[in-house]
Amino acid sequence: MLIFFNLILSIIIFISGVLVFSLKRKHLLCTLLSLEFIVLSLFYMIFMYLMNYDYEFYFLMMFLVYSVCEGALGLSILVSMVRTHGNDFFQSFNILRC
């Protein structure tokens, strides 16, 4: 019963992250936060799967490394966008002007 509850909880977290990602796409910060929320739900799902079948957790370490690199890359893009354009709106960002 507990495994079923954890699975339903992680699916709800994933769906809410995707919903926020699709609805709040005007700000880069909200987009990055929802992506991190999705990564957190995927981490929880993988952890529950590996714990349930008594597998090793090496894959989780690699997953965390890649998710931290993704977060750092997103924050660096956010900082450079705020420095060049003054805000994090996608509407004010013009690719042709770069």
PDB file of N, CA and C in Angstrom:
ATOM      1  N   MET A   1       0.821  -1.197   0.000  1.00  0.00           N
ATOM      2  CA  MET A   1       0.000   0.000   0.000  1.00  0.00           C
ATOM      3  C   MET A   1       0.868   1.266   0.000  1.00  0.00           C
ATOM      4  N   LEU A   2       1.965   1.214   0.728  1.00  0.00           N
ATOM      5  CA  LEU A   2       2.854   2.360   0.800  1.00  0.00           C
ATOM      6  C   LEU A   2       3.537   2.627  -0.549  1.00  0.00           C
ATOM      7  N   ILE A   3       3.869   1.558  -1.269  1.00  0.00           N
ATOM      8  CA  ILE A   3       4.490   1.714  -2.585  1.00  0.00           C
ATOM      9  C   ILE A   3       3.514   2.363  -3.553  1.00  0.00           C
ATOM     10  N   PHE A   4       2.264   1.966  -3.489  1.00  0.00           N
ATOM     11  CA  PHE A   4       1.237   2.560  -4.345  1.00  0.00           C
ATOM     12  C   PHE A   4       1.042   4.034  -4.021  1.00  0.00           C
ATOM     13  N   PHE A   5       1.052   4.374  -2.745  1.00  0.00           N
ATOM     14  CA  PHE A   5       0.928   5.781  -2.340  1.00  0.00           C
ATOM     15  C   PHE A   5       2.104   6.614  -2.835  1.00  0.00           C
ATOM     16  N   ASN A   6       3.307   6.074  -2.728  1.00  0.00           N
ATOM     17  CA  ASN A   6       4.496   6.789  -3.207  1.00  0.00           C
ATOM     18  C   ASN A   6       4.461   6.976  -4.715  1.00  0.00           C
ATOM     19  N   LEU A   7       3.975   5.980  -5.439  1.00  0.00           N
ATOM     20  CA  LEU A   7       3.869   6.091  -6.887  1.00  0.00           C
ATOM     21  C   LEU A   7       2.853   7.160  -7.282  1.00  0.00           C
ATOM     22  N   ILE A   8       1.710   7.162  -6.644  1.00  0.00           N
ATOM     23  CA  ILE A   8       0.686   8.171  -6.933  1.00  0.00           C
ATOM     24  C   ILE A   8       1.190   9.569  -6.571  1.00  0.00           C
ATOM     25  N   LEU A   9       1.889   9.697  -5.461  1.00  0.00           N
ATOM     26  CA  LEU A   9       2.435  10.988  -5.055  1.00  0.00           C
ATOM     27  C   LEU A   9       3.453  11.505  -6.066  1.00  0.00           C
ATOM     28  N   SER A  10       4.331  10.648  -6.535  1.00  0.00           N
ATOM     29  CA  SER A  10       5.329  11.098  -7.502  1.00  0.00           C
ATOM     30  C   SER A  10       4.696  11.435  -8.842  1.00  0.00           C
ATOM     31  N   ILE A  11       3.658  10.740  -9.247  1.00  0.00           N
ATOM     32  CA  ILE A  11       2.963  11.071 -10.493  1.00  0.00           C
ATOM     33  C   ILE A  11       2.244  12.406 -10.369  1.00  0.00           C
ATOM     34  N   ILE A  12       1.648  12.678  -9.225  1.00  0.00           N
ATOM     35  CA  ILE A  12       0.977  13.972  -8.999  1.00  0.00           C
ATOM     36  C   ILE A  12       1.995  15.105  -9.014  1.00  0.00           C
ATOM     37  N   ILE A  13       3.150  14.888  -8.396  1.00  0.00           N
ATOM     38  CA  ILE A  13       4.204  15.905  -8.405  1.00  0.00           C
ATOM     39  C   ILE A  13       4.692  16.152  -9.826  1.00  0.00           C
ATOM     40  N   PHE A  14       4.857  15.093 -10.604  1.00  0.00           N
ATOM     41  CA  PHE A  14       5.313  15.236 -11.982  1.00  0.00           C
ATOM     42  C   PHE A  14       4.292  15.989 -12.837  1.00  0.00           C
ATOM     43  N   ILE A  15       3.030  15.645 -12.707  1.00  0.00           N
ATOM     44  CA  ILE A  15       1.988  16.307 -13.497  1.00  0.00           C
ATOM     45  C   ILE A  15       1.848  17.770 -13.108  1.00  0.00           C
ATOM     46  N   SER A  16       1.960  18.082 -11.820  1.00  0.00           N
ATOM     47  CA  SER A  16       1.883  19.488 -11.411  1.00  0.00           C
ATOM     48  C   SER A  16       3.093  20.271 -11.914  1.00  0.00           C
ATOM     49  N   GLY A  17       4.262  19.652 -11.960  1.00  0.00           N
ATOM     50  CA  GLY A  17       5.430  20.318 -12.522  1.00  0.00           C
ATOM     51  C   GLY A  17       5.282  20.598 -14.004  1.00  0.00           C
ATOM     52  N   VAL A  18       4.740  19.637 -14.746  1.00  0.00           N
ATOM     53  CA  VAL A  18       4.515  19.836 -16.183  1.00  0.00           C
ATOM     54  C   VAL A  18       3.452  20.896 -16.408  1.00  0.00           C
ATOM     55  N   LEU A  19       2.432  20.916 -15.558  1.00  0.00           N
ATOM     56  CA  LEU A  19       1.368  21.919 -15.681  1.00  0.00           C
ATOM     57  C   LEU A  19       1.903  23.328 -15.437  1.00  0.00           C
ATOM     58  N   VAL A  20       2.714  23.499 -14.410  1.00  0.00           N
ATOM     59  CA  VAL A  20       3.316  24.808 -14.140  1.00  0.00           C
ATOM     60  C   VAL A  20       4.284  25.187 -15.258  1.00  0.00           C
ATOM     61  N   PHE A  21       5.023  24.206 -15.794  1.00  0.00           N
ATOM     62  CA  PHE A  21       5.944  24.477 -16.888  1.00  0.00           C
ATOM     63  C   PHE A  21       5.210  24.978 -18.130  1.00  0.00           C
ATOM     64  N   SER A  22       4.042  24.417 -18.384  1.00  0.00           N
ATOM     65  CA  SER A  22       3.310  24.835 -19.578  1.00  0.00           C
ATOM     66  C   SER A  22       2.525  26.121 -19.373  1.00  0.00           C
ATOM     67  N   LEU A  23       2.122  26.427 -18.159  1.00  0.00           N
ATOM     68  CA  LEU A  23       1.320  27.628 -17.919  1.00  0.00           C
ATOM     69  C   LEU A  23       2.158  28.865 -17.617  1.00  0.00           C
ATOM     70  N   LYS A  24       3.284  28.724 -16.970  1.00  0.00           N
ATOM     71  CA  LYS A  24       4.124  29.859 -16.572  1.00  0.00           C
ATOM     72  C   LYS A  24       5.363  29.941 -17.455  1.00  0.00           C
ATOM     73  N   ARG A  25       5.180  30.064 -18.746  1.00  0.00           N
ATOM     74  CA  ARG A  25       6.304  30.050 -19.664  1.00  0.00           C
ATOM     75  C   ARG A  25       6.804  31.435 -20.019  1.00  0.00           C
ATOM     76  N   LYS A  26       6.262  32.480 -19.407  1.00  0.00           N
ATOM     77  CA  LYS A  26       6.707  33.839 -19.721  1.00  0.00           C
ATOM     78  C   LYS A  26       7.984  34.207 -18.978  1.00  0.00           C
ATOM     79  N   HIS A  27       8.165  33.692 -17.787  1.00  0.00           N
ATOM     80  CA  HIS A  27       9.349  33.994 -16.988  1.00  0.00           C
ATOM     81  C   HIS A  27      10.306  32.813 -17.020  1.00  0.00           C
ATOM     82  N   LEU A  28      11.570  33.107 -17.193  1.00  0.00           N
ATOM     83  CA  LEU A  28      12.578  32.051 -17.213  1.00  0.00           C
ATOM     84  C   LEU A  28      12.759  31.427 -15.834  1.00  0.00           C
ATOM     85  N   LEU A  29      12.653  32.212 -14.771  1.00  0.00           N
ATOM     86  CA  LEU A  29      12.832  31.677 -13.419  1.00  0.00           C
ATOM     87  C   LEU A  29      11.741  30.675 -13.069  1.00  0.00           C
ATOM     88  N   CYS A  30      10.495  30.968 -13.395  1.00  0.00           N
ATOM     89  CA  CYS A  30       9.398  30.021 -13.138  1.00  0.00           C
ATOM     90  C   CYS A  30       9.566  28.749 -13.953  1.00  0.00           C
ATOM     91  N   THR A  31      10.060  28.890 -15.167  1.00  0.00           N
ATOM     92  CA  THR A  31      10.310  27.723 -16.008  1.00  0.00           C
ATOM     93  C   THR A  31      11.407  26.850 -15.410  1.00  0.00           C
ATOM     94  N   LEU A  32      12.471  27.469 -14.945  1.00  0.00           N
ATOM     95  CA  LEU A  32      13.569  26.708 -14.343  1.00  0.00           C
ATOM     96  C   LEU A  32      13.141  26.024 -13.049  1.00  0.00           C
ATOM     97  N   LEU A  33      12.335  26.710 -12.245  1.00  0.00           N
ATOM     98  CA  LEU A  33      11.856  26.095 -11.006  1.00  0.00           C
ATOM     99  C   LEU A  33      10.941  24.906 -11.277  1.00  0.00           C
ATOM    100  N   SER A  34      10.099  25.011 -12.284  1.00  0.00           N
ATOM    101  CA  SER A  34       9.226  23.884 -12.600  1.00  0.00           C
ATOM    102  C   SER A  34      10.030  22.719 -13.180  1.00  0.00           C
ATOM    103  N   LEU A  35      11.086  23.012 -13.938  1.00  0.00           N
ATOM    104  CA  LEU A  35      11.946  21.934 -14.417  1.00  0.00           C
ATOM    105  C   LEU A  35      12.651  21.221 -13.266  1.00  0.00           C
ATOM    106  N   GLU A  36      13.087  21.971 -12.278  1.00  0.00           N
ATOM    107  CA  GLU A  36      13.702  21.343 -11.101  1.00  0.00           C
ATOM    108  C   GLU A  36      12.679  20.525 -10.310  1.00  0.00           C
ATOM    109  N   PHE A  37      11.447  20.971 -10.301  1.00  0.00           N
ATOM    110  CA  PHE A  37      10.377  20.215  -9.636  1.00  0.00           C
ATOM    111  C   PHE A  37      10.126  18.899 -10.368  1.00  0.00           C
ATOM    112  N   ILE A  38      10.169  18.917 -11.688  1.00  0.00           N
ATOM    113  CA  ILE A  38      10.010  17.699 -12.479  1.00  0.00           C
ATOM    114  C   ILE A  38      11.178  16.748 -12.226  1.00  0.00           C
ATOM    115  N   VAL A  39      12.388  17.287 -12.173  1.00  0.00           N
ATOM    116  CA  VAL A  39      13.570  16.467 -11.904  1.00  0.00           C
ATOM    117  C   VAL A  39      13.481  15.852 -10.511  1.00  0.00           C
ATOM    118  N   LEU A  40      12.985  16.605  -9.551  1.00  0.00           N
ATOM    119  CA  LEU A  40      12.818  16.071  -8.196  1.00  0.00           C
ATOM    120  C   LEU A  40      11.817  14.925  -8.168  1.00  0.00           C
ATOM    121  N   SER A  41      10.731  15.047  -8.906  1.00  0.00           N
ATOM    122  CA  SER A  41       9.749  13.961  -8.939  1.00  0.00           C
ATOM    123  C   SER A  41      10.312  12.731  -9.642  1.00  0.00           C
ATOM    124  N   LEU A  42      11.089  12.934 -10.707  1.00  0.00           N
ATOM    125  CA  LEU A  42      11.728  11.794 -11.372  1.00  0.00           C
ATOM    126  C   LEU A  42      12.751  11.118 -10.463  1.00  0.00           C
ATOM    127  N   PHE A  43      13.490  11.917  -9.700  1.00  0.00           N
ATOM    128  CA  PHE A  43      14.436  11.356  -8.733  1.00  0.00           C
ATOM    129  C   PHE A  43      13.710  10.498  -7.698  1.00  0.00           C
ATOM    130  N   TYR A  44      12.572  10.998  -7.228  1.00  0.00           N
ATOM    131  CA  TYR A  44      11.793  10.250  -6.235  1.00  0.00           C
ATOM    132  C   TYR A  44      11.254   8.944  -6.825  1.00  0.00           C
ATOM    133  N   MET A  45      10.796   8.987  -8.072  1.00  0.00           N
ATOM    134  CA  MET A  45      10.293   7.769  -8.710  1.00  0.00           C
ATOM    135  C   MET A  45      11.404   6.743  -8.898  1.00  0.00           C
ATOM    136  N   ILE A  46      12.548   7.189  -9.360  1.00  0.00           N
ATOM    137  CA  ILE A  46      13.669   6.266  -9.572  1.00  0.00           C
ATOM    138  C   ILE A  46      14.158   5.703  -8.245  1.00  0.00           C
ATOM    139  N   PHE A  47      14.186   6.549  -7.212  1.00  0.00           N
ATOM    140  CA  PHE A  47      14.615   6.078  -5.895  1.00  0.00           C
ATOM    141  C   PHE A  47      13.663   5.015  -5.353  1.00  0.00           C
ATOM    142  N   MET A  48      12.369   5.229  -5.493  1.00  0.00           N
ATOM    143  CA  MET A  48      11.405   4.234  -5.012  1.00  0.00           C
ATOM    144  C   MET A  48      11.510   2.930  -5.806  1.00  0.00           C
ATOM    145  N   TYR A  49      11.726   3.046  -7.114  1.00  0.00           N
ATOM    146  CA  TYR A  49      11.881   1.839  -7.933  1.00  0.00           C
ATOM    147  C   TYR A  49      13.124   1.059  -7.524  1.00  0.00           C
ATOM    148  N   LEU A  50      14.239   1.748  -7.374  1.00  0.00           N
ATOM    149  CA  LEU A  50      15.480   1.057  -7.015  1.00  0.00           C
ATOM    150  C   LEU A  50      15.433   0.495  -5.600  1.00  0.00           C
ATOM    151  N   MET A  51      14.774   1.200  -4.701  1.00  0.00           N
ATOM    152  CA  MET A  51      14.667   0.713  -3.336  1.00  0.00           C
ATOM    153  C   MET A  51      13.732  -0.499  -3.248  1.00  0.00           C
ATOM    154  N   ASN A  52      12.722  -0.518  -4.087  1.00  0.00           N
ATOM    155  CA  ASN A  52      11.761  -1.618  -4.062  1.00  0.00           C
ATOM    156  C   ASN A  52      12.375  -2.917  -4.543  1.00  0.00           C
ATOM    157  N   TYR A  53      13.260  -2.849  -5.531  1.00  0.00           N
ATOM    158  CA  TYR A  53      13.849  -4.059  -6.093  1.00  0.00           C
ATOM    159  C   TYR A  53      15.277  -4.309  -5.615  1.00  0.00           C
ATOM    160  N   ASP A  54      15.726  -3.597  -4.614  1.00  0.00           N
ATOM    161  CA  ASP A  54      17.050  -3.794  -3.993  1.00  0.00           C
ATOM    162  C   ASP A  54      18.194  -3.693  -4.987  1.00  0.00           C
ATOM    163  N   TYR A  55      18.138  -2.682  -5.860  1.00  0.00           N
ATOM    164  CA  TYR A  55      19.223  -2.415  -6.791  1.00  0.00           C
ATOM    165  C   TYR A  55      20.207  -1.437  -6.165  1.00  0.00           C
ATOM    166  N   GLU A  56      21.336  -1.259  -6.846  1.00  0.00           N
ATOM    167  CA  GLU A  56      22.325  -0.286  -6.400  1.00  0.00           C
ATOM    168  C   GLU A  56      21.882   1.125  -6.763  1.00  0.00           C
ATOM    169  N   PHE A  57      22.407   2.111  -6.061  1.00  0.00           N
ATOM    170  CA  PHE A  57      21.998   3.497  -6.246  1.00  0.00           C
ATOM    171  C   PHE A  57      23.016   4.310  -7.038  1.00  0.00           C
ATOM    172  N   TYR A  58      23.858   3.670  -7.830  1.00  0.00           N
ATOM    173  CA  TYR A  58      24.853   4.403  -8.619  1.00  0.00           C
ATOM    174  C   TYR A  58      24.191   5.253  -9.696  1.00  0.00           C
ATOM    175  N   PHE A  59      23.115   4.747 -10.263  1.00  0.00           N
ATOM    176  CA  PHE A  59      22.407   5.509 -11.287  1.00  0.00           C
ATOM    177  C   PHE A  59      21.837   6.795 -10.705  1.00  0.00           C
ATOM    178  N   LEU A  60      21.417   6.757  -9.450  1.00  0.00           N
ATOM    179  CA  LEU A  60      20.890   7.968  -8.807  1.00  0.00           C
ATOM    180  C   LEU A  60      21.968   9.029  -8.646  1.00  0.00           C
ATOM    181  N   MET A  61      23.190   8.610  -8.379  1.00  0.00           N
ATOM    182  CA  MET A  61      24.277   9.581  -8.271  1.00  0.00           C
ATOM    183  C   MET A  61      24.540  10.254  -9.605  1.00  0.00           C
ATOM    184  N   MET A  62      24.523   9.494 -10.675  1.00  0.00           N
ATOM    185  CA  MET A  62      24.713  10.081 -12.002  1.00  0.00           C
ATOM    186  C   MET A  62      23.545  10.997 -12.362  1.00  0.00           C
ATOM    187  N   PHE A  63      22.344  10.597 -11.991  1.00  0.00           N
ATOM    188  CA  PHE A  63      21.163  11.417 -12.248  1.00  0.00           C
ATOM    189  C   PHE A  63      21.253  12.740 -11.492  1.00  0.00           C
ATOM    190  N   LEU A  64      21.713  12.697 -10.257  1.00  0.00           N
ATOM    191  CA  LEU A  64      21.867  13.926  -9.479  1.00  0.00           C
ATOM    192  C   LEU A  64      22.950  14.826 -10.057  1.00  0.00           C
ATOM    193  N   VAL A  65      24.029  14.235 -10.543  1.00  0.00           N
ATOM    194  CA  VAL A  65      25.096  15.033 -11.145  1.00  0.00           C
ATOM    195  C   VAL A  65      24.579  15.770 -12.371  1.00  0.00           C
ATOM    196  N   TYR A  66      23.853  15.068 -13.236  1.00  0.00           N
ATOM    197  CA  TYR A  66      23.322  15.715 -14.432  1.00  0.00           C
ATOM    198  C   TYR A  66      22.249  16.741 -14.104  1.00  0.00           C
ATOM    199  N   SER A  67      21.440  16.492 -13.100  1.00  0.00           N
ATOM    200  CA  SER A  67      20.405  17.473 -12.748  1.00  0.00           C
ATOM    201  C   SER A  67      21.019  18.721 -12.117  1.00  0.00           C
ATOM    202  N   VAL A  68      22.100  18.578 -11.360  1.00  0.00           N
ATOM    203  CA  VAL A  68      22.780  19.752 -10.807  1.00  0.00           C
ATOM    204  C   VAL A  68      23.444  20.552 -11.917  1.00  0.00           C
ATOM    205  N   CYS A  69      24.037  19.851 -12.888  1.00  0.00           N
ATOM    206  CA  CYS A  69      24.631  20.557 -14.037  1.00  0.00           C
ATOM    207  C   CYS A  69      23.560  21.290 -14.832  1.00  0.00           C
ATOM    208  N   GLU A  70      22.402  20.696 -14.989  1.00  0.00           N
ATOM    209  CA  GLU A  70      21.295  21.347 -15.691  1.00  0.00           C
ATOM    210  C   GLU A  70      20.812  22.579 -14.943  1.00  0.00           C
ATOM    211  N   GLY A  71      20.749  22.486 -13.632  1.00  0.00           N
ATOM    212  CA  GLY A  71      20.332  23.634 -12.826  1.00  0.00           C
ATOM    213  C   GLY A  71      21.341  24.764 -12.872  1.00  0.00           C
ATOM    214  N   ALA A  72      22.627  24.426 -12.824  1.00  0.00           N
ATOM    215  CA  ALA A  72      23.666  25.464 -12.890  1.00  0.00           C
ATOM    216  C   ALA A  72      23.693  26.135 -14.258  1.00  0.00           C
ATOM    217  N   LEU A  73      23.493  25.365 -15.297  1.00  0.00           N
ATOM    218  CA  LEU A  73      23.446  25.937 -16.643  1.00  0.00           C
ATOM    219  C   LEU A  73      22.238  26.857 -16.806  1.00  0.00           C
ATOM    220  N   GLY A  74      21.095  26.446 -16.273  1.00  0.00           N
ATOM    221  CA  GLY A  74      19.905  27.290 -16.341  1.00  0.00           C
ATOM    222  C   GLY A  74      20.059  28.581 -15.566  1.00  0.00           C
ATOM    223  N   LEU A  75      20.680  28.508 -14.396  1.00  0.00           N
ATOM    224  CA  LEU A  75      20.901  29.731 -13.623  1.00  0.00           C
ATOM    225  C   LEU A  75      21.902  30.660 -14.287  1.00  0.00           C
ATOM    226  N   SER A  76      22.907  30.100 -14.940  1.00  0.00           N
ATOM    227  CA  SER A  76      23.860  30.966 -15.648  1.00  0.00           C
ATOM    228  C   SER A  76      23.194  31.645 -16.839  1.00  0.00           C
ATOM    229  N   ILE A  77      22.303  30.943 -17.529  1.00  0.00           N
ATOM    230  CA  ILE A  77      21.544  31.575 -18.618  1.00  0.00           C
ATOM    231  C   ILE A  77      20.634  32.654 -18.070  1.00  0.00           C
ATOM    232  N   LEU A  78      20.024  32.409 -16.915  1.00  0.00           N
ATOM    233  CA  LEU A  78      19.158  33.408 -16.283  1.00  0.00           C
ATOM    234  C   LEU A  78      19.949  34.657 -15.907  1.00  0.00           C
ATOM    235  N   VAL A  79      21.115  34.481 -15.318  1.00  0.00           N
ATOM    236  CA  VAL A  79      21.936  35.628 -14.917  1.00  0.00           C
ATOM    237  C   VAL A  79      22.396  36.423 -16.130  1.00  0.00           C
ATOM    238  N   SER A  80      22.820  35.735 -17.176  1.00  0.00           N
ATOM    239  CA  SER A  80      23.260  36.468 -18.373  1.00  0.00           C
ATOM    240  C   SER A  80      22.094  37.172 -19.052  1.00  0.00           C
ATOM    241  N   MET A  81      20.918  36.591 -19.009  1.00  0.00           N
ATOM    242  CA  MET A  81      19.744  37.238 -19.607  1.00  0.00           C
ATOM    243  C   MET A  81      19.324  38.463 -18.810  1.00  0.00           C
ATOM    244  N   VAL A  82      19.390  38.388 -17.491  1.00  0.00           N
ATOM    245  CA  VAL A  82      19.044  39.540 -16.664  1.00  0.00           C
ATOM    246  C   VAL A  82      20.072  40.647 -16.825  1.00  0.00           C
ATOM    247  N   ARG A  83      21.342  40.292 -16.969  1.00  0.00           N
ATOM    248  CA  ARG A  83      22.376  41.328 -17.161  1.00  0.00           C
ATOM    249  C   ARG A  83      22.256  42.031 -18.505  1.00  0.00           C
ATOM    250  N   THR A  84      21.899  41.292 -19.544  1.00  0.00           N
ATOM    251  CA  THR A  84      21.840  41.915 -20.864  1.00  0.00           C
ATOM    252  C   THR A  84      20.512  42.604 -21.146  1.00  0.00           C
ATOM    253  N   HIS A  85      19.411  42.033 -20.662  1.00  0.00           N
ATOM    254  CA  HIS A  85      18.084  42.558 -20.999  1.00  0.00           C
ATOM    255  C   HIS A  85      17.363  43.219 -19.828  1.00  0.00           C
ATOM    256  N   GLY A  86      17.806  43.018 -18.608  1.00  0.00           N
ATOM    257  CA  GLY A  86      17.206  43.681 -17.457  1.00  0.00           C
ATOM    258  C   GLY A  86      16.082  42.925 -16.786  1.00  0.00           C
ATOM    259  N   ASN A  87      15.559  41.888 -17.393  1.00  0.00           N
ATOM    260  CA  ASN A  87      14.502  41.086 -16.775  1.00  0.00           C
ATOM    261  C   ASN A  87      14.567  39.665 -17.327  1.00  0.00           C
ATOM    262  N   ASP A  88      13.631  38.830 -16.885  1.00  0.00           N
ATOM    263  CA  ASP A  88      13.636  37.442 -17.347  1.00  0.00           C
ATOM    264  C   ASP A  88      12.410  37.113 -18.188  1.00  0.00           C
ATOM    265  N   PHE A  89      11.793  38.108 -18.800  1.00  0.00           N
ATOM    266  CA  PHE A  89      10.678  37.861 -19.705  1.00  0.00           C
ATOM    267  C   PHE A  89      11.203  37.311 -21.024  1.00  0.00           C
ATOM    268  N   PHE A  90      10.522  36.318 -21.555  1.00  0.00           N
ATOM    269  CA  PHE A  90      10.898  35.801 -22.864  1.00  0.00           C
ATOM    270  C   PHE A  90      10.467  36.749 -23.979  1.00  0.00           C
ATOM    271  N   GLN A  91       9.503  37.616 -23.723  1.00  0.00           N
ATOM    272  CA  GLN A  91       9.017  38.530 -24.745  1.00  0.00           C
ATOM    273  C   GLN A  91      10.048  39.591 -25.094  1.00  0.00           C
ATOM    274  N   SER A  92      10.851  39.998 -24.118  1.00  0.00           N
ATOM    275  CA  SER A  92      11.855  41.027 -24.380  1.00  0.00           C
ATOM    276  C   SER A  92      13.147  40.452 -24.943  1.00  0.00           C
ATOM    277  N   PHE A  93      13.253  39.130 -25.018  1.00  0.00           N
ATOM    278  CA  PHE A  93      14.449  38.473 -25.509  1.00  0.00           C
ATOM    279  C   PHE A  93      14.327  38.271 -27.010  1.00  0.00           C
ATOM    280  N   ASN A  94      15.195  38.893 -27.777  1.00  0.00           N
ATOM    281  CA  ASN A  94      15.175  38.801 -29.223  1.00  0.00           C
ATOM    282  C   ASN A  94      16.428  38.064 -29.676  1.00  0.00           C
ATOM    283  N   ILE A  95      16.247  36.939 -30.330  1.00  0.00           N
ATOM    284  CA  ILE A  95      17.380  36.118 -30.751  1.00  0.00           C
ATOM    285  C   ILE A  95      18.138  36.774 -31.904  1.00  0.00           C
ATOM    286  N   LEU A  96      17.441  37.505 -32.751  1.00  0.00           N
ATOM    287  CA  LEU A  96      18.088  38.100 -33.911  1.00  0.00           C
ATOM    288  C   LEU A  96      19.031  39.241 -33.529  1.00  0.00           C
ATOM    289  N   ARG A  97      18.827  39.831 -32.350  1.00  0.00           N
ATOM    290  CA  ARG A  97      19.622  40.955 -31.921  1.00  0.00           C
ATOM    291  C   ARG A  97      20.913  40.538 -31.214  1.00  0.00           C
ATOM    292  N   CYS A  98      21.093  39.279 -30.921  1.00  0.00           N
ATOM    293  CA  CYS A  98      22.280  38.814 -30.215  1.00  0.00           C
ATOM    294  C   CYS A  98      23.467  39.118 -31.010  1.00  0.00           C
TER     295      CYS A  98
END
